[in-house]
């Protein structure tokens, strides 16, 4: 998609502990970096619903006008303690929908 004409990007991240309900309380902050070419959107996600199995949903909106129909690289950061952030990289994540 044309980044000028696209809609504002939003993102949802679901975290599930293994075993269930083992996500530490310090995992309250979740960060997101979305990389599209040389452009980066960074955001702090808000906590949304928590499923009965303990899965937490985090979300953010108001991102750049990228997609849909493109792939981006995504880095998710979860604060695991006051001084540590665990990072997860997902490459070639498709942007399926914008709002």
PDB file of N, CA and C in Angstrom:
ATOM      1  N   UNK A   1       0.813  -1.191   0.000  1.00  0.00           N
ATOM      2  CA  UNK A   1       0.000   0.000   0.000  1.00  0.00           C
ATOM      3  C   UNK A   1       0.851   1.248   0.000  1.00  0.00           C
ATOM      4  N   UNK A   2       0.270   2.328  -0.432  1.00  0.00           N
ATOM      5  CA  UNK A   2       0.942   3.619  -0.461  1.00  0.00           C
ATOM      6  C   UNK A   2       0.914   4.217   0.940  1.00  0.00           C
ATOM      7  N   UNK A   3       2.091   4.479   1.558  1.00  0.00           N
ATOM      8  CA  UNK A   3       2.087   4.959   2.932  1.00  0.00           C
ATOM      9  C   UNK A   3       1.385   6.302   3.098  1.00  0.00           C
ATOM     10  N   UNK A   4       1.272   7.083   2.031  1.00  0.00           N
ATOM     11  CA  UNK A   4       0.626   8.389   2.141  1.00  0.00           C
ATOM     12  C   UNK A   4      -0.892   8.226   2.230  1.00  0.00           C
ATOM     13  N   UNK A   5      -1.436   7.227   1.548  1.00  0.00           N
ATOM     14  CA  UNK A   5      -2.887   7.073   1.492  1.00  0.00           C
ATOM     15  C   UNK A   5      -3.430   6.038   2.461  1.00  0.00           C
ATOM     16  N   UNK A   6      -2.567   5.278   3.127  1.00  0.00           N
ATOM     17  CA  UNK A   6      -3.034   4.238   4.039  1.00  0.00           C
ATOM     18  C   UNK A   6      -3.697   4.819   5.264  1.00  0.00           C
ATOM     19  N   UNK A   7      -4.287   3.954   6.071  1.00  0.00           N
ATOM     20  CA  UNK A   7      -4.909   4.366   7.322  1.00  0.00           C
ATOM     21  C   UNK A   7      -3.891   4.253   8.452  1.00  0.00           C
ATOM     22  N   UNK A   8      -4.228   4.814   9.608  1.00  0.00           N
ATOM     23  CA  UNK A   8      -3.323   4.783  10.748  1.00  0.00           C
ATOM     24  C   UNK A   8      -3.160   3.359  11.264  1.00  0.00           C
ATOM     25  N   UNK A   9      -1.919   2.979  11.495  1.00  0.00           N
ATOM     26  CA  UNK A   9      -1.587   1.624  11.929  1.00  0.00           C
ATOM     27  C   UNK A   9      -1.963   1.417  13.392  1.00  0.00           C
ATOM     28  N   UNK A  10      -2.463   0.228  13.709  1.00  0.00           N
ATOM     29  CA  UNK A  10      -2.625  -0.158  15.101  1.00  0.00           C
ATOM     30  C   UNK A  10      -2.061  -1.556  15.280  1.00  0.00           C
ATOM     31  N   UNK A  11      -1.741  -1.894  16.523  1.00  0.00           N
ATOM     32  CA  UNK A  11      -1.116  -3.184  16.786  1.00  0.00           C
ATOM     33  C   UNK A  11      -1.727  -3.817  18.029  1.00  0.00           C
ATOM     34  N   UNK A  12      -1.781  -5.141  18.010  1.00  0.00           N
ATOM     35  CA  UNK A  12      -2.240  -5.930  19.147  1.00  0.00           C
ATOM     36  C   UNK A  12      -1.200  -6.997  19.426  1.00  0.00           C
ATOM     37  N   UNK A  13      -0.832  -7.148  20.698  1.00  0.00           N
ATOM     38  CA  UNK A  13       0.117  -8.180  21.127  1.00  0.00           C
ATOM     39  C   UNK A  13      -0.558  -9.000  22.210  1.00  0.00           C
ATOM     40  N   UNK A  14      -0.505 -10.332  22.053  1.00  0.00           N
ATOM     41  CA  UNK A  14      -1.076 -11.231  23.066  1.00  0.00           C
ATOM     42  C   UNK A  14       0.056 -12.001  23.733  1.00  0.00           C
ATOM     43  N   UNK A  15       0.124 -11.922  25.053  1.00  0.00           N
ATOM     44  CA  UNK A  15       1.145 -12.627  25.828  1.00  0.00           C
ATOM     45  C   UNK A  15       0.485 -13.711  26.661  1.00  0.00           C
ATOM     46  N   UNK A  16       1.064 -14.916  26.573  1.00  0.00           N
ATOM     47  CA  UNK A  16       0.528 -16.040  27.336  1.00  0.00           C
ATOM     48  C   UNK A  16       1.673 -16.719  28.056  1.00  0.00           C
ATOM     49  N   UNK A  17       1.524 -16.899  29.350  1.00  0.00           N
ATOM     50  CA  UNK A  17       2.557 -17.583  30.131  1.00  0.00           C
ATOM     51  C   UNK A  17       2.499 -19.079  29.914  1.00  0.00           C
ATOM     52  N   UNK A  18       3.622 -19.742  30.138  1.00  0.00           N
ATOM     53  CA  UNK A  18       3.669 -21.207  30.050  1.00  0.00           C
ATOM     54  C   UNK A  18       4.386 -21.712  31.291  1.00  0.00           C
ATOM     55  N   UNK A  19       3.705 -22.352  32.234  1.00  0.00           N
ATOM     56  CA  UNK A  19       2.273 -22.677  32.225  1.00  0.00           C
ATOM     57  C   UNK A  19       1.401 -21.419  32.338  1.00  0.00           C
ATOM     58  N   UNK A  20       0.089 -21.588  32.099  1.00  0.00           N
ATOM     59  CA  UNK A  20      -0.805 -20.430  32.120  1.00  0.00           C
ATOM     60  C   UNK A  20      -0.721 -19.653  33.425  1.00  0.00           C
ATOM     61  N   UNK A  21      -0.996 -18.372  33.322  1.00  0.00           N
ATOM     62  CA  UNK A  21      -1.068 -17.469  34.472  1.00  0.00           C
ATOM     63  C   UNK A  21       0.278 -17.328  35.195  1.00  0.00           C
ATOM     64  N   UNK A  22       1.377 -17.414  34.437  1.00  0.00           N
ATOM     65  CA  UNK A  22       2.696 -17.270  35.046  1.00  0.00           C
ATOM     66  C   UNK A  22       3.418 -16.018  34.562  1.00  0.00           C
ATOM     67  N   UNK A  23       2.714 -15.110  33.891  1.00  0.00           N
ATOM     68  CA  UNK A  23       3.343 -13.858  33.481  1.00  0.00           C
ATOM     69  C   UNK A  23       3.582 -13.044  34.745  1.00  0.00           C
ATOM     70  N   UNK A  24       4.824 -12.622  34.990  1.00  0.00           N
ATOM     71  CA  UNK A  24       5.101 -11.917  36.248  1.00  0.00           C
ATOM     72  C   UNK A  24       4.404 -10.565  36.295  1.00  0.00           C
ATOM     73  N   UNK A  25       4.071 -10.097  37.504  1.00  0.00           N
ATOM     74  CA  UNK A  25       3.409  -8.801  37.636  1.00  0.00           C
ATOM     75  C   UNK A  25       4.244  -7.660  37.059  1.00  0.00           C
ATOM     76  N   UNK A  26       5.578  -7.823  37.018  1.00  0.00           N
ATOM     77  CA  UNK A  26       6.437  -6.766  36.482  1.00  0.00           C
ATOM     78  C   UNK A  26       6.313  -6.640  34.972  1.00  0.00           C
ATOM     79  N   UNK A  27       5.592  -7.550  34.317  1.00  0.00           N
ATOM     80  CA  UNK A  27       5.414  -7.485  32.868  1.00  0.00           C
ATOM     81  C   UNK A  27       4.323  -6.486  32.520  1.00  0.00           C
ATOM     82  N   UNK A  28       4.224  -5.426  33.272  1.00  0.00           N
ATOM     83  CA  UNK A  28       3.179  -4.437  33.031  1.00  0.00           C
ATOM     84  C   UNK A  28       3.462  -3.542  31.847  1.00  0.00           C
ATOM     85  N   UNK A  29       4.726  -3.360  31.505  1.00  0.00           N
ATOM     86  CA  UNK A  29       5.079  -2.489  30.383  1.00  0.00           C
ATOM     87  C   UNK A  29       5.460  -3.340  29.185  1.00  0.00           C
ATOM     88  N   UNK A  30       4.806  -3.079  28.049  1.00  0.00           N
ATOM     89  CA  UNK A  30       5.121  -3.772  26.804  1.00  0.00           C
ATOM     90  C   UNK A  30       5.390  -2.700  25.757  1.00  0.00           C
ATOM     91  N   UNK A  31       6.518  -2.839  25.074  1.00  0.00           N
ATOM     92  CA  UNK A  31       6.960  -1.857  24.094  1.00  0.00           C
ATOM     93  C   UNK A  31       6.952  -2.489  22.716  1.00  0.00           C
ATOM     94  N   UNK A  32       6.819  -1.650  21.700  1.00  0.00           N
ATOM     95  CA  UNK A  32       6.731  -2.130  20.329  1.00  0.00           C
ATOM     96  C   UNK A  32       7.557  -1.231  19.428  1.00  0.00           C
ATOM     97  N   UNK A  33       8.330  -1.863  18.559  1.00  0.00           N
ATOM     98  CA  UNK A  33       9.021  -1.153  17.490  1.00  0.00           C
ATOM     99  C   UNK A  33       8.653  -1.851  16.192  1.00  0.00           C
ATOM    100  N   UNK A  34       8.102  -1.093  15.244  1.00  0.00           N
ATOM    101  CA  UNK A  34       7.738  -1.623  13.937  1.00  0.00           C
ATOM    102  C   UNK A  34       8.664  -0.971  12.921  1.00  0.00           C
ATOM    103  N   UNK A  35       9.380  -1.808  12.155  1.00  0.00           N
ATOM    104  CA  UNK A  35      10.399  -1.328  11.223  1.00  0.00           C
ATOM    105  C   UNK A  35       9.907  -1.554   9.803  1.00  0.00           C
ATOM    106  N   UNK A  36       9.834  -0.455   9.040  1.00  0.00           N
ATOM    107  CA  UNK A  36       9.425  -0.516   7.635  1.00  0.00           C
ATOM    108  C   UNK A  36      10.503   0.224   6.844  1.00  0.00           C
ATOM    109  N   UNK A  37      11.403  -0.542   6.210  1.00  0.00           N
ATOM    110  CA  UNK A  37      12.532   0.074   5.510  1.00  0.00           C
ATOM    111  C   UNK A  37      13.411   0.802   6.511  1.00  0.00           C
ATOM    112  N   UNK A  38      13.605   2.095   6.316  1.00  0.00           N
ATOM    113  CA  UNK A  38      14.420   2.875   7.245  1.00  0.00           C
ATOM    114  C   UNK A  38      13.558   3.629   8.258  1.00  0.00           C
ATOM    115  N   UNK A  39      12.250   3.408   8.238  1.00  0.00           N
ATOM    116  CA  UNK A  39      11.348   4.077   9.176  1.00  0.00           C
ATOM    117  C   UNK A  39      11.019   3.156  10.344  1.00  0.00           C
ATOM    118  N   UNK A  40      10.887   3.744  11.540  1.00  0.00           N
ATOM    119  CA  UNK A  40      10.560   2.975  12.738  1.00  0.00           C
ATOM    120  C   UNK A  40       9.429   3.668  13.483  1.00  0.00           C
ATOM    121  N   UNK A  41       8.405   2.895  13.839  1.00  0.00           N
ATOM    122  CA  UNK A  41       7.355   3.377  14.734  1.00  0.00           C
ATOM    123  C   UNK A  41       7.589   2.724  16.079  1.00  0.00           C
ATOM    124  N   UNK A  42       7.760   3.524  17.129  1.00  0.00           N
ATOM    125  CA  UNK A  42       7.923   2.986  18.471  1.00  0.00           C
ATOM    126  C   UNK A  42       6.758   3.432  19.331  1.00  0.00           C
ATOM    127  N   UNK A  43       6.310   2.542  20.221  1.00  0.00           N
ATOM    128  CA  UNK A  43       5.143   2.843  21.047  1.00  0.00           C
ATOM    129  C   UNK A  43       5.188   2.006  22.319  1.00  0.00           C
ATOM    130  N   UNK A  44       4.511   2.492  23.350  1.00  0.00           N
ATOM    131  CA  UNK A  44       4.252   1.717  24.561  1.00  0.00           C
ATOM    132  C   UNK A  44       2.805   1.264  24.490  1.00  0.00           C
ATOM    133  N   UNK A  45       2.582  -0.037  24.668  1.00  0.00           N
ATOM    134  CA  UNK A  45       1.249  -0.593  24.521  1.00  0.00           C
ATOM    135  C   UNK A  45       0.468  -0.486  25.829  1.00  0.00           C
ATOM    136  N   UNK A  46      -0.860  -0.407  25.709  1.00  0.00           N
ATOM    137  CA  UNK A  46      -1.750  -0.378  26.867  1.00  0.00           C
ATOM    138  C   UNK A  46      -2.311  -1.770  27.095  1.00  0.00           C
ATOM    139  N   UNK A  47      -2.512  -2.120  28.365  1.00  0.00           N
ATOM    140  CA  UNK A  47      -3.091  -3.420  28.703  1.00  0.00           C
ATOM    141  C   UNK A  47      -4.581  -3.394  28.432  1.00  0.00           C
ATOM    142  N   UNK A  48      -5.034  -4.388  27.686  1.00  0.00           N
ATOM    143  CA  UNK A  48      -6.455  -4.548  27.410  1.00  0.00           C
ATOM    144  C   UNK A  48      -7.002  -5.726  28.194  1.00  0.00           C
ATOM    145  N   UNK A  49      -7.859  -6.514  27.562  1.00  0.00           N
ATOM    146  CA  UNK A  49      -8.505  -7.632  28.265  1.00  0.00           C
ATOM    147  C   UNK A  49      -7.509  -8.711  28.686  1.00  0.00           C
ATOM    148  N   UNK A  50      -7.830  -9.383  29.790  1.00  0.00           N
ATOM    149  CA  UNK A  50      -7.092 -10.570  30.224  1.00  0.00           C
ATOM    150  C   UNK A  50      -8.063 -11.745  30.119  1.00  0.00           C
ATOM    151  N   UNK A  51      -7.677 -12.755  29.316  1.00  0.00           N
ATOM    152  CA  UNK A  51      -8.537 -13.916  29.112  1.00  0.00           C
ATOM    153  C   UNK A  51      -8.575 -14.775  30.379  1.00  0.00           C
ATOM    154  N   UNK A  52      -9.584 -15.636  30.502  1.00  0.00           N
ATOM    155  CA  UNK A  52      -9.656 -16.534  31.666  1.00  0.00           C
ATOM    156  C   UNK A  52      -8.412 -17.416  31.822  1.00  0.00           C
ATOM    157  N   UNK A  53      -7.715 -17.728  30.708  1.00  0.00           N
ATOM    158  CA  UNK A  53      -6.512 -18.568  30.807  1.00  0.00           C
ATOM    159  C   UNK A  53      -5.266 -17.747  31.153  1.00  0.00           C
ATOM    160  N   UNK A  54      -5.436 -16.444  31.404  1.00  0.00           N
ATOM    161  CA  UNK A  54      -4.304 -15.606  31.788  1.00  0.00           C
ATOM    162  C   UNK A  54      -3.632 -14.888  30.636  1.00  0.00           C
ATOM    163  N   UNK A  55      -4.066 -15.150  29.394  1.00  0.00           N
ATOM    164  CA  UNK A  55      -3.485 -14.455  28.250  1.00  0.00           C
ATOM    165  C   UNK A  55      -3.821 -12.974  28.344  1.00  0.00           C
ATOM    166  N   UNK A  56      -2.789 -12.125  28.216  1.00  0.00           N
ATOM    167  CA  UNK A  56      -2.988 -10.681  28.280  1.00  0.00           C
ATOM    168  C   UNK A  56      -2.926 -10.102  26.867  1.00  0.00           C
ATOM    169  N   UNK A  57      -3.828  -9.177  26.567  1.00  0.00           N
ATOM    170  CA  UNK A  57      -3.831  -8.489  25.285  1.00  0.00           C
ATOM    171  C   UNK A  57      -3.408  -7.042  25.505  1.00  0.00           C
ATOM    172  N   UNK A  58      -2.406  -6.611  24.735  1.00  0.00           N
ATOM    173  CA  UNK A  58      -1.925  -5.233  24.770  1.00  0.00           C
ATOM    174  C   UNK A  58      -2.199  -4.616  23.407  1.00  0.00           C
ATOM    175  N   UNK A  59      -2.439  -3.297  23.376  1.00  0.00           N
ATOM    176  CA  UNK A  59      -2.779  -2.678  22.103  1.00  0.00           C
ATOM    177  C   UNK A  59      -2.253  -1.251  22.056  1.00  0.00           C
ATOM    178  N   UNK A  60      -2.130  -0.746  20.840  1.00  0.00           N
ATOM    179  CA  UNK A  60      -1.763   0.649  20.605  1.00  0.00           C
ATOM    180  C   UNK A  60      -2.331   1.043  19.247  1.00  0.00           C
ATOM    181  N   UNK A  61      -2.687   2.320  19.111  1.00  0.00           N
ATOM    182  CA  UNK A  61      -3.199   2.823  17.835  1.00  0.00           C
ATOM    183  C   UNK A  61      -2.501   4.135  17.523  1.00  0.00           C
ATOM    184  N   UNK A  62      -2.869   4.722  16.393  1.00  0.00           N
ATOM    185  CA  UNK A  62      -2.321   6.010  16.021  1.00  0.00           C
ATOM    186  C   UNK A  62      -0.949   5.952  15.386  1.00  0.00           C
ATOM    187  N   UNK A  63      -0.621   4.809  14.814  1.00  0.00           N
ATOM    188  CA  UNK A  63       0.680   4.655  14.173  1.00  0.00           C
ATOM    189  C   UNK A  63       0.731   5.316  12.807  1.00  0.00           C
ATOM    190  N   UNK A  64       1.814   5.065  12.082  1.00  0.00           N
ATOM    191  CA  UNK A  64       1.977   5.679  10.761  1.00  0.00           C
ATOM    192  C   UNK A  64       1.017   5.079   9.734  1.00  0.00           C
ATOM    193  N   UNK A  65       0.927   5.721   8.600  1.00  0.00           N
ATOM    194  CA  UNK A  65       0.046   5.263   7.523  1.00  0.00           C
ATOM    195  C   UNK A  65       0.809   4.291   6.623  1.00  0.00           C
ATOM    196  N   UNK A  66       0.991   3.060   7.134  1.00  0.00           N
ATOM    197  CA  UNK A  66       1.667   1.999   6.374  1.00  0.00           C
ATOM    198  C   UNK A  66       0.660   0.892   6.116  1.00  0.00           C
ATOM    199  N   UNK A  67       0.711   0.325   4.918  1.00  0.00           N
ATOM    200  CA  UNK A  67      -0.107  -0.838   4.622  1.00  0.00           C
ATOM    201  C   UNK A  67      -1.553  -0.458   4.362  1.00  0.00           C
ATOM    202  N   UNK A  68      -2.441  -1.448   4.312  1.00  0.00           N
ATOM    203  CA  UNK A  68      -2.146  -2.869   4.467  1.00  0.00           C
ATOM    204  C   UNK A  68      -1.465  -3.459   3.236  1.00  0.00           C
ATOM    205  N   UNK A  69      -1.146  -4.744   3.334  1.00  0.00           N
ATOM    206  CA  UNK A  69      -0.559  -5.445   2.210  1.00  0.00           C
ATOM    207  C   UNK A  69       0.951  -5.350   2.136  1.00  0.00           C
ATOM    208  N   UNK A  70       1.620  -4.935   3.234  1.00  0.00           N
ATOM    209  CA  UNK A  70       3.083  -4.921   3.271  1.00  0.00           C
ATOM    210  C   UNK A  70       3.554  -5.752   4.456  1.00  0.00           C
ATOM    211  N   UNK A  71       4.828  -6.115   4.430  1.00  0.00           N
ATOM    212  CA  UNK A  71       5.441  -6.821   5.554  1.00  0.00           C
ATOM    213  C   UNK A  71       6.365  -5.872   6.295  1.00  0.00           C
ATOM    214  N   UNK A  72       6.396  -5.980   7.617  1.00  0.00           N
ATOM    215  CA  UNK A  72       7.269  -5.173   8.464  1.00  0.00           C
ATOM    216  C   UNK A  72       7.984  -6.099   9.436  1.00  0.00           C
ATOM    217  N   UNK A  73       9.090  -5.628   9.999  1.00  0.00           N
ATOM    218  CA  UNK A  73       9.748  -6.337  11.092  1.00  0.00           C
ATOM    219  C   UNK A  73       9.254  -5.720  12.396  1.00  0.00           C
ATOM    220  N   UNK A  74       9.008  -6.577  13.394  1.00  0.00           N
ATOM    221  CA  UNK A  74       8.432  -6.134  14.654  1.00  0.00           C
ATOM    222  C   UNK A  74       9.326  -6.599  15.796  1.00  0.00           C
ATOM    223  N   UNK A  75       9.648  -5.676  16.715  1.00  0.00           N
ATOM    224  CA  UNK A  75      10.337  -6.016  17.950  1.00  0.00           C
ATOM    225  C   UNK A  75       9.375  -5.719  19.089  1.00  0.00           C
ATOM    226  N   UNK A  76       9.169  -6.717  19.949  1.00  0.00           N
ATOM    227  CA  UNK A  76       8.313  -6.565  21.122  1.00  0.00           C
ATOM    228  C   UNK A  76       9.218  -6.619  22.343  1.00  0.00           C
ATOM    229  N   UNK A  77       9.080  -5.651  23.217  1.00  0.00           N
ATOM    230  CA  UNK A  77       9.846  -5.608  24.452  1.00  0.00           C
ATOM    231  C   UNK A  77       8.918  -5.739  25.641  1.00  0.00           C
ATOM    232  N   UNK A  78       9.228  -6.681  26.550  1.00  0.00           N
ATOM    233  CA  UNK A  78       8.425  -6.892  27.754  1.00  0.00           C
ATOM    234  C   UNK A  78       9.310  -6.623  28.956  1.00  0.00           C
ATOM    235  N   UNK A  79       8.911  -5.672  29.799  1.00  0.00           N
ATOM    236  CA  UNK A  79       9.698  -5.373  30.986  1.00  0.00           C
ATOM    237  C   UNK A  79       9.576  -6.543  31.950  1.00  0.00           C
ATOM    238  N   UNK A  80      10.699  -7.247  32.172  1.00  0.00           N
ATOM    239  CA  UNK A  80      10.693  -8.422  33.036  1.00  0.00           C
ATOM    240  C   UNK A  80      11.136  -8.101  34.461  1.00  0.00           C
ATOM    241  N   UNK A  81      11.733  -6.938  34.665  1.00  0.00           N
ATOM    242  CA  UNK A  81      12.097  -6.442  35.994  1.00  0.00           C
ATOM    243  C   UNK A  81      12.317  -4.942  35.846  1.00  0.00           C
ATOM    244  N   UNK A  82      12.507  -4.220  36.943  1.00  0.00           N
ATOM    245  CA  UNK A  82      12.716  -2.772  36.815  1.00  0.00           C
ATOM    246  C   UNK A  82      13.905  -2.393  35.928  1.00  0.00           C
ATOM    247  N   UNK A  83      14.878  -3.295  35.785  1.00  0.00           N
ATOM    248  CA  UNK A  83      16.073  -2.947  35.001  1.00  0.00           C
ATOM    249  C   UNK A  83      16.239  -3.768  33.729  1.00  0.00           C
ATOM    250  N   UNK A  84      15.330  -4.695  33.433  1.00  0.00           N
ATOM    251  CA  UNK A  84      15.485  -5.579  32.272  1.00  0.00           C
ATOM    252  C   UNK A  84      14.250  -5.552  31.382  1.00  0.00           C
ATOM    253  N   UNK A  85      14.509  -5.576  30.063  1.00  0.00           N
ATOM    254  CA  UNK A  85      13.442  -5.706  29.071  1.00  0.00           C
ATOM    255  C   UNK A  85      13.804  -6.877  28.166  1.00  0.00           C
ATOM    256  N   UNK A  86      12.924  -7.881  28.107  1.00  0.00           N
ATOM    257  CA  UNK A  86      13.118  -9.024  27.217  1.00  0.00           C
ATOM    258  C   UNK A  86      12.594  -8.653  25.841  1.00  0.00           C
ATOM    259  N   UNK A  87      13.385  -8.949  24.799  1.00  0.00           N
ATOM    260  CA  UNK A  87      13.028  -8.566  23.435  1.00  0.00           C
ATOM    261  C   UNK A  87      12.720  -9.785  22.581  1.00  0.00           C
ATOM    262  N   UNK A  88      11.735  -9.655  21.719  1.00  0.00           N
ATOM    263  CA  UNK A  88      11.375 -10.693  20.758  1.00  0.00           C
ATOM    264  C   UNK A  88      11.307 -10.032  19.384  1.00  0.00           C
ATOM    265  N   UNK A  89      11.967 -10.645  18.396  1.00  0.00           N
ATOM    266  CA  UNK A  89      11.957 -10.136  17.023  1.00  0.00           C
ATOM    267  C   UNK A  89      11.099 -11.051  16.161  1.00  0.00           C
ATOM    268  N   UNK A  90      10.169 -10.452  15.421  1.00  0.00           N
ATOM    269  CA  UNK A  90       9.390 -11.177  14.420  1.00  0.00           C
ATOM    270  C   UNK A  90       9.633 -10.501  13.084  1.00  0.00           C
ATOM    271  N   UNK A  91      10.155 -11.237  12.124  1.00  0.00           N
ATOM    272  CA  UNK A  91      10.446 -10.683  10.800  1.00  0.00           C
ATOM    273  C   UNK A  91       9.292 -10.941   9.843  1.00  0.00           C
ATOM    274  N   UNK A  92       9.139 -10.046   8.875  1.00  0.00           N
ATOM    275  CA  UNK A  92       8.170 -10.187   7.784  1.00  0.00           C
ATOM    276  C   UNK A  92       6.756 -10.442   8.310  1.00  0.00           C
ATOM    277  N   UNK A  93       6.325  -9.588   9.243  1.00  0.00           N
ATOM    278  CA  UNK A  93       4.957  -9.672   9.766  1.00  0.00           C
ATOM    279  C   UNK A  93       4.047  -8.892   8.823  1.00  0.00           C
ATOM    280  N   UNK A  94       3.015  -9.525   8.276  1.00  0.00           N
ATOM    281  CA  UNK A  94       2.149  -8.804   7.338  1.00  0.00           C
ATOM    282  C   UNK A  94       1.235  -7.820   8.067  1.00  0.00           C
ATOM    283  N   UNK A  95       1.067  -6.644   7.494  1.00  0.00           N
ATOM    284  CA  UNK A  95       0.052  -5.705   7.978  1.00  0.00           C
ATOM    285  C   UNK A  95      -1.226  -6.068   7.240  1.00  0.00           C
ATOM    286  N   UNK A  96      -2.180  -6.602   7.982  1.00  0.00           N
ATOM    287  CA  UNK A  96      -3.404  -7.128   7.377  1.00  0.00           C
ATOM    288  C   UNK A  96      -4.494  -6.086   7.258  1.00  0.00           C
ATOM    289  N   UNK A  97      -4.510  -5.137   8.225  1.00  0.00           N
ATOM    290  CA  UNK A  97      -5.613  -4.190   8.277  1.00  0.00           C
ATOM    291  C   UNK A  97      -5.126  -2.943   8.998  1.00  0.00           C
ATOM    292  N   UNK A  98      -5.620  -1.788   8.604  1.00  0.00           N
ATOM    293  CA  UNK A  98      -5.338  -0.547   9.317  1.00  0.00           C
ATOM    294  C   UNK A  98      -6.662   0.117   9.645  1.00  0.00           C
ATOM    295  N   UNK A  99      -6.631   1.105  10.548  1.00  0.00           N
ATOM    296  CA  UNK A  99      -7.892   1.716  10.978  1.00  0.00           C
ATOM    297  C   UNK A  99      -7.687   3.206  11.172  1.00  0.00           C
TER     298      UNK A  99
END
